[in-house]
Amino acid sequence: MSTFPVVSAEDVIDQQVRVQFEAFLDEHRGALNRCLDGLTEEQARRSLVPSRTTLLGLVKHATFVERVWFDEAVTRRSRAEIGIPATPHESFVLDEDDTIATVRRAHRDACRASRRATASLGLDDVVHGNRRGPLPLRWVYLHVLRELAQHCGHADILREQLVGE
């Protein structure tokens, strides 16, 4: 089982901004993936709020986010071609065959694909496949970081409700 890169934000204080962005993204990607550590399948699926937000659903949604911003936006492939839901709301829906292992693996795979998709791009390079229109990669990185940070906060609260940590 592969893991997320181990470079922390503290390790890149004096690095170029691109390296800093990627370290922050990977820290948040890893934190969200680890929110499932030590949980049973039932706990990971347990709904504690009125919305579809569950810990397993958050990681599944984060996979959707990676594919929207680093596949659809970069390659201009449609969501149908990529094989992801049409809307963010649908990305939280858990299928019967979704397990901690399968959702985590899909998330790690999507994150690796995101890194590959952006490796040759500069922060000022523009991606054209988002509904907002052309966007610089720098903005995409900031947007994804904001979303991951919000979902890490959601995961912290749900995990605390489930297991008290």
Protein backbone atom coordinates (compact mmCIF):
# COMPACT_ATOMS: atom_id res chain seq x y z
CA MET A 1 0.00 0.00 0.00
CA SER A 2 1.52 3.31 -1.04
CA THR A 3 1.45 6.32 1.21
CA PHE A 4 1.38 10.05 0.71
CA PRO A 5 4.65 11.97 0.39
CA VAL A 6 6.20 12.61 3.79
CA VAL A 7 7.48 16.14 3.17
CA SER A 8 5.75 18.41 5.67
CA ALA A 9 4.94 22.07 5.33
CA GLU A 10 7.59 22.73 7.97
CA ASP A 11 10.19 21.10 5.70
CA VAL A 12 9.58 23.51 2.83
CA ILE A 13 9.61 26.92 4.50
CA ASP A 14 12.54 28.09 2.37
CA GLN A 15 11.52 26.30 -0.83
CA GLN A 16 9.92 27.65 -3.99
CA VAL A 17 6.21 28.37 -3.78
CA ARG A 18 5.34 25.39 -6.02
CA VAL A 19 7.06 23.02 -3.58
CA GLN A 20 5.22 24.68 -0.70
CA PHE A 21 1.83 24.35 -2.39
CA GLU A 22 2.42 20.69 -3.12
CA ALA A 23 3.59 19.97 0.44
CA PHE A 24 0.47 21.61 1.88
CA LEU A 25 -1.78 19.75 -0.57
CA ASP A 26 -0.16 16.42 0.26
CA GLU A 27 -0.39 17.03 4.01
CA HIS A 28 -4.12 17.65 3.69
CA ARG A 29 -4.63 14.75 1.28
CA GLY A 30 -2.90 12.42 3.72
CA ALA A 31 -4.76 13.77 6.74
CA LEU A 32 -8.11 13.21 5.08
CA ASN A 33 -7.14 9.70 3.99
CA ARG A 34 -5.97 8.89 7.54
CA CYS A 35 -9.30 9.95 9.07
CA LEU A 36 -10.36 6.35 8.38
CA ASP A 37 -7.52 4.82 10.43
CA GLY A 38 -8.71 2.23 12.92
CA LEU A 39 -12.40 2.54 12.07
CA THR A 40 -14.79 -0.27 11.36
CA GLU A 41 -16.71 -0.24 8.10
CA GLU A 42 -19.84 0.66 10.04
CA GLN A 43 -18.15 3.61 11.75
CA ALA A 44 -16.75 4.91 8.47
CA ARG A 45 -20.25 4.86 6.95
CA ARG A 46 -22.12 6.14 9.99
CA SER A 47 -24.12 9.28 9.35
CA LEU A 48 -23.88 11.76 12.22
CA VAL A 49 -25.26 14.84 10.45
CA PRO A 50 -28.37 15.44 8.33
CA SER A 51 -26.36 15.61 5.09
CA ARG A 52 -24.70 12.70 3.28
CA THR A 53 -21.41 13.56 4.99
CA THR A 54 -19.73 10.52 6.50
CA LEU A 55 -16.04 9.87 6.97
CA LEU A 56 -15.99 7.37 4.11
CA GLY A 57 -18.04 9.78 2.00
CA LEU A 58 -15.58 12.61 2.68
CA VAL A 59 -12.68 10.57 1.33
CA LYS A 60 -14.77 9.47 -1.65
CA HIS A 61 -15.66 13.11 -2.29
CA ALA A 62 -11.98 14.10 -2.05
CA THR A 63 -11.31 11.61 -4.85
CA PHE A 64 -13.95 13.38 -6.92
CA VAL A 65 -12.30 16.73 -6.14
CA GLU A 66 -8.93 15.45 -7.35
CA ARG A 67 -10.47 14.20 -10.58
CA VAL A 68 -12.43 17.37 -11.24
CA TRP A 69 -9.53 19.73 -10.68
CA PHE A 70 -6.60 17.71 -11.97
CA ASP A 71 -8.23 15.58 -14.67
CA GLU A 72 -11.31 17.39 -15.97
CA ALA A 73 -9.77 20.87 -15.66
CA VAL A 74 -6.38 19.84 -17.08
CA THR A 75 -7.36 17.33 -19.78
CA ARG A 76 -10.80 18.72 -20.65
CA ARG A 77 -12.26 15.21 -20.44
CA SER A 78 -15.90 15.15 -19.34
CA ARG A 79 -16.95 13.78 -15.98
CA ALA A 80 -18.67 10.93 -17.82
CA GLU A 81 -15.40 10.07 -19.61
CA ILE A 82 -13.52 10.18 -16.31
CA GLY A 83 -16.19 8.04 -14.63
CA ILE A 84 -17.14 10.43 -11.84
CA PRO A 85 -20.51 11.81 -10.74
CA ALA A 86 -21.95 14.85 -12.48
CA THR A 87 -22.26 16.86 -9.25
CA PRO A 88 -20.34 17.24 -6.00
CA HIS A 89 -23.46 16.24 -4.05
CA GLU A 90 -23.52 12.84 -5.77
CA SER A 91 -19.85 12.24 -4.95
CA PHE A 92 -20.70 11.62 -1.29
CA VAL A 93 -23.04 8.72 -2.14
CA LEU A 94 -21.63 5.40 -0.97
CA ASP A 95 -22.16 2.28 -3.02
CA GLU A 96 -22.49 -1.18 -1.48
CA ASP A 97 -19.02 -2.12 -2.71
CA ASP A 98 -17.35 0.98 -1.21
CA THR A 99 -15.11 -0.08 1.65
CA ILE A 100 -12.43 1.69 3.62
CA ALA A 101 -9.80 -0.12 1.54
CA THR A 102 -11.36 0.59 -1.87
CA VAL A 103 -12.16 4.24 -1.17
CA ARG A 104 -8.68 4.89 0.28
CA ARG A 105 -7.03 3.19 -2.70
CA ALA A 106 -9.10 5.23 -5.16
CA HIS A 107 -8.17 8.41 -3.29
CA ARG A 108 -4.45 7.61 -3.26
CA ASP A 109 -4.59 6.70 -6.97
CA ALA A 110 -6.38 9.96 -7.79
CA CYS A 111 -3.79 11.96 -5.84
CA ARG A 112 -0.93 10.25 -7.70
CA ALA A 113 -2.68 10.98 -11.00
CA SER A 114 -3.11 14.62 -9.94
CA ARG A 115 0.61 14.95 -9.27
CA ARG A 116 1.40 13.44 -12.68
CA ALA A 117 -1.12 15.68 -14.46
CA THR A 118 0.41 18.85 -13.05
CA ALA A 119 4.10 17.85 -13.06
CA SER A 120 4.86 19.57 -16.35
CA LEU A 121 2.76 22.67 -15.62
CA GLY A 122 3.88 25.91 -14.04
CA LEU A 123 1.82 27.77 -11.46
CA ASP A 124 0.95 30.42 -14.02
CA ASP A 125 -0.04 27.90 -16.69
CA VAL A 126 -3.73 28.00 -17.46
CA VAL A 127 -6.07 25.01 -17.40
CA HIS A 128 -9.13 25.21 -19.61
CA GLY A 129 -11.44 22.37 -18.63
CA ASN A 130 -13.34 23.93 -15.72
CA ARG A 131 -16.84 25.38 -15.98
CA ARG A 132 -15.50 28.71 -14.63
CA GLY A 133 -13.35 29.06 -17.73
CA PRO A 134 -9.58 29.32 -17.98
CA LEU A 135 -7.83 29.26 -14.59
CA PRO A 136 -4.18 29.44 -13.59
CA LEU A 137 -2.86 26.33 -11.85
CA ARG A 138 -1.96 28.53 -8.85
CA TRP A 139 -5.68 29.29 -8.33
CA VAL A 140 -6.58 25.61 -8.73
CA TYR A 141 -4.02 24.65 -6.07
CA LEU A 142 -5.41 27.25 -3.67
CA HIS A 143 -8.99 26.20 -4.33
CA VAL A 144 -8.24 22.50 -3.75
CA LEU A 145 -6.24 23.32 -0.62
CA ARG A 146 -9.18 25.31 0.74
CA GLU A 147 -11.56 22.46 0.03
CA LEU A 148 -9.28 19.84 1.56
CA ALA A 149 -8.78 21.98 4.67
CA GLN A 150 -12.54 22.34 5.11
CA HIS A 151 -13.07 18.61 4.73
CA CYS A 152 -10.25 17.80 7.14
CA GLY A 153 -12.08 19.94 9.68
CA HIS A 154 -15.31 18.08 8.99
CA ALA A 155 -13.47 14.78 9.36
CA ASP A 156 -11.94 15.84 12.69
CA ILE A 157 -15.38 16.64 14.10
CA LEU A 158 -17.00 13.43 12.80
CA ARG A 159 -14.11 11.31 14.05
CA GLU A 160 -14.32 12.94 17.47
CA GLN A 161 -18.03 12.13 17.60
CA LEU A 162 -17.31 8.49 16.64
CA VAL A 163 -14.25 7.62 18.69
CA GLY A 164 -13.53 10.61 20.91
CA GLU A 165 -10.22 11.56 19.26
